[in-house]
C-alpha atoms as a PDB file:
ATOM      1  CA  MET A   1      -0.006  -0.003  -0.031  1.00  0.00           C
ATOM      2  CA  SER A   2       1.406   3.381  -0.992  1.00  0.00           C
ATOM      3  CA  THR A   3      -0.118   6.740   0.183  1.00  0.00           C
ATOM      4  CA  ALA A   4       0.837  10.313  -0.568  1.00  0.00           C
ATOM      5  CA  THR A   5      -0.305  13.259   1.682  1.00  0.00           C
ATOM      6  CA  VAL A   6      -0.413  16.527  -0.045  1.00  0.00           C
ATOM      7  CA  PRO A   7      -1.196  19.464   2.416  1.00  0.00           C
ATOM      8  CA  THR A   8      -2.984  22.592   1.076  1.00  0.00           C
ATOM      9  CA  THR A   9      -0.801  25.555   0.026  1.00  0.00           C
ATOM     10  CA  SER A  10      -1.103  29.267   0.760  1.00  0.00           C
ATOM     11  CA  PRO A  11      -3.339  30.933  -1.917  1.00  0.00           C
ATOM     12  CA  SER A  12      -1.007  33.984  -1.741  1.00  0.00           C
ATOM     13  CA  SER A  13       1.309  32.783  -4.451  1.00  0.00           C
ATOM     14  CA  ALA A  14       0.680  30.820  -7.659  1.00  0.00           C
ATOM     15  CA  TYR A  15       4.169  29.580  -7.181  1.00  0.00           C
ATOM     16  CA  ASP A  16       3.731  27.755  -3.871  1.00  0.00           C
ATOM     17  CA  PHE A  17       4.364  24.151  -4.256  1.00  0.00           C
ATOM     18  CA  PRO A  18       2.698  21.822  -1.622  1.00  0.00           C
ATOM     19  CA  ALA A  19       5.147  19.763   0.676  1.00  0.00           C
ATOM     20  CA  ILE A  20       4.645  16.080  -0.182  1.00  0.00           C
ATOM     21  CA  SER A  21       5.098  13.210   2.369  1.00  0.00           C
ATOM     22  CA  ILE A  22       5.225   9.769   0.639  1.00  0.00           C
ATOM     23  CA  HIS A  23       4.465   6.735   2.654  1.00  0.00           C
ATOM     24  CA  LEU A  24       5.394   3.308   1.090  1.00  0.00           C
ATOM     25  CA  ALA A  25       4.734  -0.110   2.575  1.00  0.00           C
ATOM     26  CA  PRO A  26       7.679  -2.213   1.629  1.00  0.00           C
ATOM     27  CA  ALA A  27       7.000  -5.515  -0.204  1.00  0.00           C
ATOM     28  CA  VAL A  28       8.647  -7.415   2.590  1.00  0.00           C
ATOM     29  CA  PRO A  29       8.530  -6.042   6.178  1.00  0.00           C
ATOM     30  CA  MET A  30      11.919  -5.047   7.695  1.00  0.00           C
ATOM     31  CA  THR A  31      13.339  -5.777  11.003  1.00  0.00           C
ATOM     32  CA  GLN A  32      14.821  -2.889  12.895  1.00  0.00           C
ATOM     33  CA  ASP A  33      18.470  -4.149  11.814  1.00  0.00           C
ATOM     34  CA  GLN A  34      17.296  -4.519   8.142  1.00  0.00           C
ATOM     35  CA  PHE A  35      15.830  -0.938   8.309  1.00  0.00           C
ATOM     36  CA  PHE A  36      19.101   0.435   9.792  1.00  0.00           C
ATOM     37  CA  ASP A  37      21.180  -1.450   6.960  1.00  0.00           C
ATOM     38  CA  PHE A  38      18.636  -0.139   4.297  1.00  0.00           C
ATOM     39  CA  CYS A  39      19.256   3.462   5.470  1.00  0.00           C
ATOM     40  CA  GLN A  40      23.075   3.007   5.543  1.00  0.00           C
ATOM     41  CA  GLN A  41      22.929   1.805   1.943  1.00  0.00           C
ATOM     42  CA  ASN A  42      20.927   4.721   0.915  1.00  0.00           C
ATOM     43  CA  ALA A  43      22.928   7.305   2.993  1.00  0.00           C
ATOM     44  CA  ASP A  44      22.157   9.995   0.347  1.00  0.00           C
ATOM     45  CA  LYS A  45      18.518   9.766   1.203  1.00  0.00           C
ATOM     46  CA  ARG A  46      16.511  10.382   4.476  1.00  0.00           C
ATOM     47  CA  PHE A  47      13.985   7.799   5.568  1.00  0.00           C
ATOM     48  CA  GLU A  48      11.686   7.479   8.682  1.00  0.00           C
ATOM     49  CA  ARG A  49       9.220   4.762   9.347  1.00  0.00           C
ATOM     50  CA  THR A  50       5.752   4.481  10.776  1.00  0.00           C
ATOM     51  CA  ALA A  51       4.863   2.089  13.563  1.00  0.00           C
ATOM     52  CA  GLU A  52       3.069   0.126  10.781  1.00  0.00           C
ATOM     53  CA  GLY A  53       6.353  -0.265   8.827  1.00  0.00           C
ATOM     54  CA  GLU A  54       5.645   2.241   6.190  1.00  0.00           C
ATOM     55  CA  LEU A  55       8.672   4.179   4.688  1.00  0.00           C
ATOM     56  CA  ILE A  56       8.554   7.861   4.788  1.00  0.00           C
ATOM     57  CA  ILE A  57      10.817   9.585   2.344  1.00  0.00           C
ATOM     58  CA  MET A  58      12.127  12.843   3.789  1.00  0.00           C
ATOM     59  CA  ALA A  59      12.923  15.622   1.382  1.00  0.00           C
ATOM     60  CA  PRO A  60      15.652  18.001   2.153  1.00  0.00           C
ATOM     61  CA  SER A  61      14.736  21.302   3.791  1.00  0.00           C
ATOM     62  CA  GLY A  62      15.022  24.727   2.300  1.00  0.00           C
ATOM     63  CA  GLY A  63      17.755  27.152   3.214  1.00  0.00           C
ATOM     64  CA  ASP A  64      15.768  29.007   6.096  1.00  0.00           C
ATOM     65  CA  ALA A  65      14.546  25.716   7.742  1.00  0.00           C
ATOM     66  CA  GLY A  66      18.161  24.417   7.500  1.00  0.00           C
ATOM     67  CA  PHE A  67      19.386  27.587   9.140  1.00  0.00           C
ATOM     68  CA  GLN A  68      16.747  27.207  11.910  1.00  0.00           C
ATOM     69  CA  ASP A  69      17.639  23.472  12.325  1.00  0.00           C
ATOM     70  CA  ALA A  70      21.396  24.338  12.824  1.00  0.00           C
ATOM     71  CA  GLU A  71      20.479  27.060  15.249  1.00  0.00           C
ATOM     72  CA  VAL A  72      18.089  25.190  17.512  1.00  0.00           C
ATOM     73  CA  CYS A  73      20.633  22.210  17.650  1.00  0.00           C
ATOM     74  CA  ARG A  74      23.525  24.684  18.475  1.00  0.00           C
ATOM     75  CA  GLN A  75      21.463  26.300  21.150  1.00  0.00           C
ATOM     76  CA  LEU A  76      20.482  22.918  22.693  1.00  0.00           C
ATOM     77  CA  GLY A  77      24.161  21.677  22.436  1.00  0.00           C
ATOM     78  CA  ASN A  78      25.306  24.789  24.231  1.00  0.00           C
ATOM     79  CA  TRP A  79      22.760  24.415  27.059  1.00  0.00           C
ATOM     80  CA  ALA A  80      23.709  20.692  27.481  1.00  0.00           C
ATOM     81  CA  LYS A  81      27.504  21.718  27.614  1.00  0.00           C
ATOM     82  CA  ALA A  82      26.760  24.432  30.130  1.00  0.00           C
ATOM     83  CA  VAL A  83      24.876  22.156  32.420  1.00  0.00           C
ATOM     84  CA  GLY A  84      27.265  19.175  31.739  1.00  0.00           C
ATOM     85  CA  LYS A  85      24.625  16.634  31.265  1.00  0.00           C
ATOM     86  CA  GLY A  86      23.321  14.484  28.516  1.00  0.00           C
ATOM     87  CA  LYS A  87      23.956  14.248  24.773  1.00  0.00           C
ATOM     88  CA  VAL A  88      22.489  16.201  21.905  1.00  0.00           C
ATOM     89  CA  SER A  89      21.888  14.920  18.361  1.00  0.00           C
ATOM     90  CA  GLY A  90      20.824  16.620  15.138  1.00  0.00           C
ATOM     91  CA  SER A  91      18.505  15.445  12.444  1.00  0.00           C
ATOM     92  CA  SER A  92      20.904  12.582  11.541  1.00  0.00           C
ATOM     93  CA  GLY A  93      20.390  10.763  14.872  1.00  0.00           C
ATOM     94  CA  GLY A  94      17.659   8.062  14.663  1.00  0.00           C
ATOM     95  CA  TYR A  95      15.473   6.657  17.325  1.00  0.00           C
ATOM     96  CA  ILE A  96      13.363   3.474  17.693  1.00  0.00           C
ATOM     97  CA  LEU A  97      10.375   4.724  19.459  1.00  0.00           C
ATOM     98  CA  PRO A  98       8.275   2.529  21.909  1.00  0.00           C
ATOM     99  CA  ASN A  99       5.613   2.028  19.341  1.00  0.00           C
ATOM    100  CA  SER A 100       8.385   0.583  16.825  1.00  0.00           C
ATOM    101  CA  ALA A 101       8.315   3.803  14.618  1.00  0.00           C
ATOM    102  CA  ASN A 102      11.706   5.165  13.466  1.00  0.00           C
ATOM    103  CA  ARG A 103      12.117   8.894  13.719  1.00  0.00           C
ATOM    104  CA  ALA A 104      14.866  11.402  13.419  1.00  0.00           C
ATOM    105  CA  PRO A 105      14.011  14.738  14.962  1.00  0.00           C
ATOM    106  CA  ASP A 106      15.624  17.988  14.027  1.00  0.00           C
ATOM    107  CA  ALA A 107      17.387  18.266  17.525  1.00  0.00           C
ATOM    108  CA  SER A 108      17.076  16.034  20.485  1.00  0.00           C
ATOM    109  CA  TRP A 109      18.615  15.654  23.992  1.00  0.00           C
ATOM    110  CA  ILE A 110      19.200  12.315  25.737  1.00  0.00           C
ATOM    111  CA  SER A 111      19.508  12.427  29.548  1.00  0.00           C
ATOM    112  CA  PRO A 112      22.282  10.851  31.416  1.00  0.00           C
ATOM    113  CA  GLU A 113      19.997   8.259  32.818  1.00  0.00           C
ATOM    114  CA  GLN A 114      18.864   7.331  29.269  1.00  0.00           C
ATOM    115  CA  LEU A 115      22.392   7.096  28.139  1.00  0.00           C
ATOM    116  CA  ALA A 116      23.254   4.854  30.956  1.00  0.00           C
ATOM    117  CA  THR A 117      20.635   2.256  29.846  1.00  0.00           C
ATOM    118  CA  LEU A 118      22.262   1.759  26.487  1.00  0.00           C
ATOM    119  CA  ALA A 119      24.971  -0.706  25.615  1.00  0.00           C
ATOM    120  CA  ALA A 120      27.938   0.314  23.488  1.00  0.00           C
ATOM    121  CA  GLU A 121      26.647  -1.769  20.497  1.00  0.00           C
ATOM    122  CA  GLU A 122      23.025  -0.007  20.837  1.00  0.00           C
ATOM    123  CA  ARG A 123      24.647   3.425  20.527  1.00  0.00           C
ATOM    124  CA  LYS A 124      26.114   2.405  17.086  1.00  0.00           C
ATOM    125  CA  LYS A 125      22.516   2.104  15.447  1.00  0.00           C
ATOM    126  CA  PHE A 126      19.163   3.837  15.917  1.00  0.00           C
ATOM    127  CA  LEU A 127      18.843   4.372  19.668  1.00  0.00           C
ATOM    128  CA  PRO A 128      15.937   2.247  21.176  1.00  0.00           C
ATOM    129  CA  LEU A 129      14.389   5.059  23.120  1.00  0.00           C
ATOM    130  CA  CYS A 130      12.383   8.258  22.939  1.00  0.00           C
ATOM    131  CA  PRO A 131      14.530  11.338  23.603  1.00  0.00           C
ATOM    132  CA  PHE A 132      13.830  13.167  26.853  1.00  0.00           C
ATOM    133  CA  PHE A 133      13.458  16.403  24.719  1.00  0.00           C
ATOM    134  CA  LEU A 134      13.183  17.071  21.100  1.00  0.00           C
ATOM    135  CA  ILE A 135      12.612  19.886  18.603  1.00  0.00           C
ATOM    136  CA  GLU A 136      11.120  19.703  15.194  1.00  0.00           C
ATOM    137  CA  VAL A 137      11.624  22.885  13.065  1.00  0.00           C
ATOM    138  CA  ARG A 138       8.411  23.881  11.131  1.00  0.00           C
ATOM    139  CA  SER A 139       9.246  24.344   7.427  1.00  0.00           C
ATOM    140  CA  PRO A 140       8.274  27.555   5.678  1.00  0.00           C
ATOM    141  CA  SER A 141       5.650  25.720   3.745  1.00  0.00           C
ATOM    142  CA  GLY A 142       3.851  25.277   7.170  1.00  0.00           C
ATOM    143  CA  MET A 143       4.514  21.566   7.452  1.00  0.00           C
ATOM    144  CA  SER A 144       7.761  19.620   8.318  1.00  0.00           C
ATOM    145  CA  GLY A 145       6.722  16.787   5.954  1.00  0.00           C
ATOM    146  CA  LYS A 146       6.730  14.366   8.807  1.00  0.00           C
ATOM    147  CA  SER A 147       3.580  12.804  10.072  1.00  0.00           C
ATOM    148  CA  ARG A 148       3.696  11.638  13.771  1.00  0.00           C
END
């Protein structure tokens, strides 16, 4: 099953293009390890996955959204360094949420207690936890392209 979600655009400009989020159900379901390997083999692409196993193809953001992504990640990192606790990840850090969905928020913070629960091998792949704090930057089109 494949679905495409096309949100409405602003009527202010005839040149506005809608953000498109494409959800594709793979022909063969993938385990978490297979999905991780799939993402590594397609490192030039960005994927997330729903709890039902549908692949979400993530388009790159525009310049302004990219600047905002970097700024919120920088500020969160500065805060974590100032308080001397936890770890911060940008949008390339993936997580396995409790419902089995795979997500990569624009910026996230993991508490020291959460880090302590992870084995060294677990830290090399998508982290099997929900970040203690995360930020999603809203794109100029009014939608991040991610459905939660």
